[in-house]
Amino acid sequence: MPTRVGAREAHALTEKEGYVQVDVRSVAEFEAGHPAGSHNIPWMHIDAHGRALNPDFVEVFERTFPDKASKVVLTCMSGNRSMQALSALEARGYGSLVDQRAGWGGARDAFGRVTDEGWSQASLPAETGAGGERSYEALSKR
């Protein structure tokens, strides 16, 4: 069973345990706000036509993190896409992956109330923009 942690625990892993954070949200979502220092490798692309799986996700991830023992925290908006991505990567032999269960926006109940704070609610270090060398555009060209 995958390890799932809250936003504050994910931050501690990156600050104290050498984990790298990968945000699997779309490029537009990432650019609007993301955990400071995170990489963007979208699990899905989102456009006017809807959502579509990113066929290059695993390939770009493997080029970015070729060591199957890489310590990576995966995050998305609420924890669904990151869990799907984690499962795909575990199937490829990655063994030191952690899911940030409430993502950027937090987990919510049926009434829209936050039940588990996400990165943004926890007021953890964040940034906007493409992320330079950590952007999907840059990582996909490696």
Protein backbone atom coordinates (compact mmCIF):
# COMPACT_ATOMS: atom_id res chain seq x y z
CA MET A 1 0.00 0.00 0.00
CA PRO A 2 1.39 3.43 -0.95
CA THR A 3 2.45 5.88 1.71
CA ARG A 4 0.11 8.88 1.86
CA VAL A 5 0.99 11.98 3.86
CA GLY A 6 -0.56 15.36 4.58
CA ALA A 7 0.75 18.65 3.24
CA ARG A 8 2.87 19.45 6.29
CA GLU A 9 4.39 15.96 6.28
CA ALA A 10 5.16 16.31 2.55
CA HIS A 11 6.90 19.61 3.23
CA ALA A 12 8.97 18.00 6.02
CA LEU A 13 10.01 15.18 3.66
CA THR A 14 11.29 17.69 1.11
CA GLU A 15 13.00 19.87 3.70
CA LYS A 16 14.55 17.19 5.93
CA GLU A 17 14.58 13.88 4.07
CA GLY A 18 15.77 14.86 0.58
CA TYR A 19 12.51 14.17 -1.24
CA VAL A 20 11.70 16.02 -4.47
CA GLN A 21 8.15 17.11 -5.15
CA VAL A 22 6.46 16.43 -8.49
CA ASP A 23 3.16 18.17 -9.19
CA VAL A 24 1.15 16.08 -11.65
CA ARG A 25 -1.48 18.73 -12.36
CA SER A 26 -1.85 20.33 -15.79
CA VAL A 27 0.56 23.03 -16.91
CA ALA A 28 -2.08 25.75 -16.40
CA GLU A 29 -2.89 24.54 -12.88
CA PHE A 30 0.80 24.36 -12.01
CA GLU A 31 1.50 27.85 -13.34
CA ALA A 32 -1.37 29.31 -11.25
CA GLY A 33 0.32 28.09 -8.04
CA HIS A 34 2.36 25.13 -6.84
CA PRO A 35 4.62 23.99 -4.00
CA ALA A 36 7.86 25.97 -4.18
CA GLY A 37 10.61 24.01 -5.92
CA SER A 38 8.32 21.34 -7.35
CA HIS A 39 8.64 19.84 -10.82
CA ASN A 40 5.65 19.70 -13.19
CA ILE A 41 4.96 16.46 -15.03
CA PRO A 42 1.22 16.37 -15.81
CA TRP A 43 -0.62 13.08 -15.45
CA MET A 44 -3.37 14.56 -17.61
CA HIS A 45 -3.61 17.42 -20.05
CA ILE A 46 -6.64 19.66 -19.66
CA ASP A 47 -7.96 21.85 -22.46
CA ALA A 48 -11.26 23.15 -23.85
CA HIS A 49 -12.15 19.61 -24.93
CA GLY A 50 -11.69 18.13 -21.45
CA ARG A 51 -9.10 15.89 -19.82
CA ALA A 52 -6.85 13.39 -21.55
CA LEU A 53 -4.12 11.20 -20.09
CA ASN A 54 -0.63 12.44 -20.87
CA PRO A 55 0.83 9.64 -23.03
CA ASP A 56 4.36 10.85 -22.23
CA PHE A 57 4.01 10.99 -18.43
CA VAL A 58 6.03 7.87 -17.59
CA GLU A 59 8.69 8.56 -20.22
CA VAL A 60 9.27 12.14 -19.02
CA PHE A 61 9.29 11.02 -15.38
CA GLU A 62 11.84 8.28 -16.11
CA ARG A 63 14.12 10.69 -17.96
CA THR A 64 13.84 13.23 -15.12
CA PHE A 65 14.29 10.63 -12.36
CA PRO A 66 16.19 7.68 -13.88
CA ASP A 67 17.07 6.19 -10.48
CA LYS A 68 14.18 3.90 -9.44
CA ALA A 69 15.10 4.67 -5.80
CA SER A 70 14.47 8.42 -6.28
CA LYS A 71 12.62 9.85 -3.29
CA VAL A 72 9.61 11.66 -4.74
CA VAL A 73 6.44 13.15 -3.27
CA LEU A 74 3.66 13.26 -5.86
CA THR A 75 0.95 15.90 -5.57
CA CYS A 76 -2.05 17.12 -7.57
CA MET A 77 -5.16 19.12 -6.69
CA SER A 78 -6.86 16.75 -4.26
CA GLY A 79 -4.96 13.46 -4.29
CA ASN A 80 -6.70 11.52 -7.07
CA ARG A 81 -4.38 12.08 -10.05
CA SER A 82 -1.27 11.74 -7.89
CA MET A 83 -2.42 8.31 -6.68
CA GLN A 84 -3.02 7.20 -10.28
CA ALA A 85 0.43 8.45 -11.26
CA LEU A 86 2.01 6.76 -8.24
CA SER A 87 0.45 3.42 -9.19
CA ALA A 88 1.77 3.70 -12.75
CA LEU A 89 5.26 4.54 -11.50
CA GLU A 90 5.31 1.74 -8.92
CA ALA A 91 4.45 -0.65 -11.77
CA ARG A 92 7.65 0.60 -13.47
CA GLY A 93 9.75 -0.25 -10.41
CA TYR A 94 9.86 3.01 -8.45
CA GLY A 95 9.91 2.19 -4.75
CA SER A 96 10.40 5.44 -2.81
CA LEU A 97 7.26 7.30 -3.82
CA VAL A 98 4.92 9.12 -1.46
CA ASP A 99 1.51 10.60 -2.24
CA GLN A 100 0.45 13.93 -0.75
CA ARG A 101 -3.11 12.89 -0.09
CA ALA A 102 -4.88 16.28 -0.15
CA GLY A 103 -2.80 17.90 -2.89
CA TRP A 104 -2.77 21.62 -3.56
CA GLY A 105 -6.44 22.36 -2.95
CA GLY A 106 -7.31 20.00 -0.10
CA ALA A 107 -9.69 17.10 0.22
CA ARG A 108 -13.33 18.14 0.44
CA ASP A 109 -16.58 16.53 1.53
CA ALA A 110 -19.79 16.45 -0.50
CA PHE A 111 -20.60 20.00 0.67
CA GLY A 112 -17.25 21.42 -0.46
CA ARG A 113 -15.85 21.76 3.06
CA VAL A 114 -12.14 21.05 3.43
CA THR A 115 -11.67 17.80 5.36
CA ASP A 116 -7.89 17.58 4.92
CA GLU A 117 -5.89 20.71 4.25
CA GLY A 118 -3.91 20.91 1.05
CA TRP A 119 -0.66 22.74 0.44
CA SER A 120 -2.38 26.09 -0.18
CA GLN A 121 -4.52 25.92 3.00
CA ALA A 122 -1.46 25.00 5.07
CA SER A 123 0.26 28.21 3.89
CA LEU A 124 3.38 26.29 2.94
CA PRO A 125 6.00 27.79 0.56
CA ALA A 126 4.45 28.29 -2.86
CA GLU A 127 5.22 29.96 -6.15
CA THR A 128 3.54 30.71 -9.46
CA GLY A 129 4.77 30.49 -13.03
CA ALA A 130 6.18 27.73 -15.18
CA GLY A 131 9.08 26.81 -12.89
CA GLY A 132 11.99 27.32 -15.30
CA GLU A 133 14.01 24.09 -15.60
CA ARG A 134 11.34 22.33 -13.50
CA SER A 135 8.58 23.19 -16.01
CA TYR A 136 6.94 20.50 -18.09
CA GLU A 137 8.20 22.19 -21.25
CA ALA A 138 11.81 21.96 -20.06
CA LEU A 139 11.50 18.44 -18.59
CA SER A 140 9.80 17.04 -21.71
CA LYS A 141 12.75 18.20 -23.84
CA ARG A 142 15.41 16.37 -21.80
